């Protein structure tokens, strides 16, 4: 677990920790605000039953579709942007 300030000021170290530990929790004012996962840890999480929406809040039902995530990041959407 690292503070948000430490994560910001030592991002390279945060990445090294994630690579080594697989997961690093980031807290701000004593409250968990983010979790950073290594690809290995993410793949392990996604292959468990809990990650598929069984007995867990994490899973496909809470993932944002890539096209929706892209649209949310676009400040000024082009006129021809398709929102399907």
Protein backbone atom coordinates (compact mmCIF):
# COMPACT_ATOMS: atom_id res chain seq x y z
CA UNK A 1 0.00 0.00 0.00
CA UNK A 2 1.31 3.44 -0.93
CA UNK A 3 -0.03 6.94 -0.55
CA UNK A 4 -1.33 8.78 -3.59
CA UNK A 5 1.45 11.35 -3.17
CA UNK A 6 4.15 8.66 -3.11
CA UNK A 7 2.62 6.98 -6.15
CA UNK A 8 2.61 10.28 -8.04
CA UNK A 9 6.11 11.32 -7.00
CA UNK A 10 7.68 7.90 -7.55
CA UNK A 11 5.76 6.42 -10.47
CA UNK A 12 8.75 4.38 -11.65
CA UNK A 13 9.05 2.81 -8.22
CA UNK A 14 5.32 2.11 -8.20
CA UNK A 15 5.66 0.22 -11.49
CA UNK A 16 8.55 -1.81 -10.09
CA UNK A 17 6.49 -2.68 -7.02
CA UNK A 18 3.55 -3.75 -9.17
CA UNK A 19 5.83 -5.94 -11.26
CA UNK A 20 7.23 -7.57 -8.16
CA UNK A 21 4.14 -7.77 -5.96
CA UNK A 22 1.44 -8.09 -8.62
CA UNK A 23 -0.82 -5.58 -6.88
CA UNK A 24 -0.37 -2.22 -5.17
CA UNK A 25 -3.16 -0.42 -3.34
CA UNK A 26 -3.07 3.39 -3.43
CA UNK A 27 -4.63 5.29 -0.54
CA UNK A 28 -5.48 8.95 -0.14
CA UNK A 29 -6.37 10.35 3.27
CA UNK A 30 -6.60 6.79 4.61
CA UNK A 31 -9.11 5.69 1.95
CA UNK A 32 -8.43 3.21 -0.85
CA UNK A 33 -8.67 5.15 -4.12
CA UNK A 34 -6.97 2.86 -6.65
CA UNK A 35 -5.54 -0.58 -7.21
CA UNK A 36 -2.75 -1.12 -9.74
CA UNK A 37 -2.39 -4.68 -11.06
CA UNK A 38 0.33 -6.35 -13.08
CA UNK A 39 -0.79 -8.13 -16.26
CA UNK A 40 -0.09 -11.45 -14.51
CA UNK A 41 -2.33 -10.54 -11.56
CA UNK A 42 -5.06 -9.20 -13.85
CA UNK A 43 -5.07 -12.37 -15.95
CA UNK A 44 -5.25 -14.48 -12.79
CA UNK A 45 -8.17 -12.39 -11.57
CA UNK A 46 -10.02 -12.59 -14.87
CA UNK A 47 -9.73 -16.38 -15.05
CA UNK A 48 -11.33 -16.97 -11.64
CA UNK A 49 -15.05 -17.57 -11.21
CA UNK A 50 -15.32 -14.46 -9.04
CA UNK A 51 -14.01 -12.29 -11.87
CA UNK A 52 -16.70 -13.59 -14.21
CA UNK A 53 -19.34 -11.96 -12.01
CA UNK A 54 -19.84 -14.84 -9.59
CA UNK A 55 -19.63 -13.81 -5.91
CA UNK A 56 -17.85 -10.57 -6.72
CA UNK A 57 -18.50 -6.98 -7.75
CA UNK A 58 -15.63 -7.22 -10.25
CA UNK A 59 -16.25 -8.60 -13.72
CA UNK A 60 -17.80 -8.05 -17.08
CA UNK A 61 -20.92 -6.42 -15.69
CA UNK A 62 -18.79 -3.57 -14.35
CA UNK A 63 -16.41 -3.20 -17.27
CA UNK A 64 -16.96 -0.31 -19.66
CA UNK A 65 -17.13 -1.33 -23.30
CA UNK A 66 -14.07 -0.04 -25.18
CA UNK A 67 -16.14 2.09 -27.58
CA UNK A 68 -17.97 3.73 -24.67
CA UNK A 69 -14.72 4.35 -22.80
CA UNK A 70 -13.25 5.99 -25.91
CA UNK A 71 -16.32 8.19 -26.32
CA UNK A 72 -16.13 9.24 -22.66
CA UNK A 73 -12.51 10.36 -23.12
CA UNK A 74 -13.28 12.47 -26.17
CA UNK A 75 -13.89 16.07 -25.19
CA UNK A 76 -15.04 17.22 -28.60
CA UNK A 77 -16.50 14.33 -30.50
CA UNK A 78 -16.29 14.57 -34.30
CA UNK A 79 -19.59 15.09 -36.10
CA UNK A 80 -19.29 11.70 -37.76
CA UNK A 81 -18.67 9.83 -34.48
CA UNK A 82 -20.94 6.81 -34.28
CA UNK A 83 -22.34 6.06 -30.79
CA UNK A 84 -23.65 2.56 -31.47
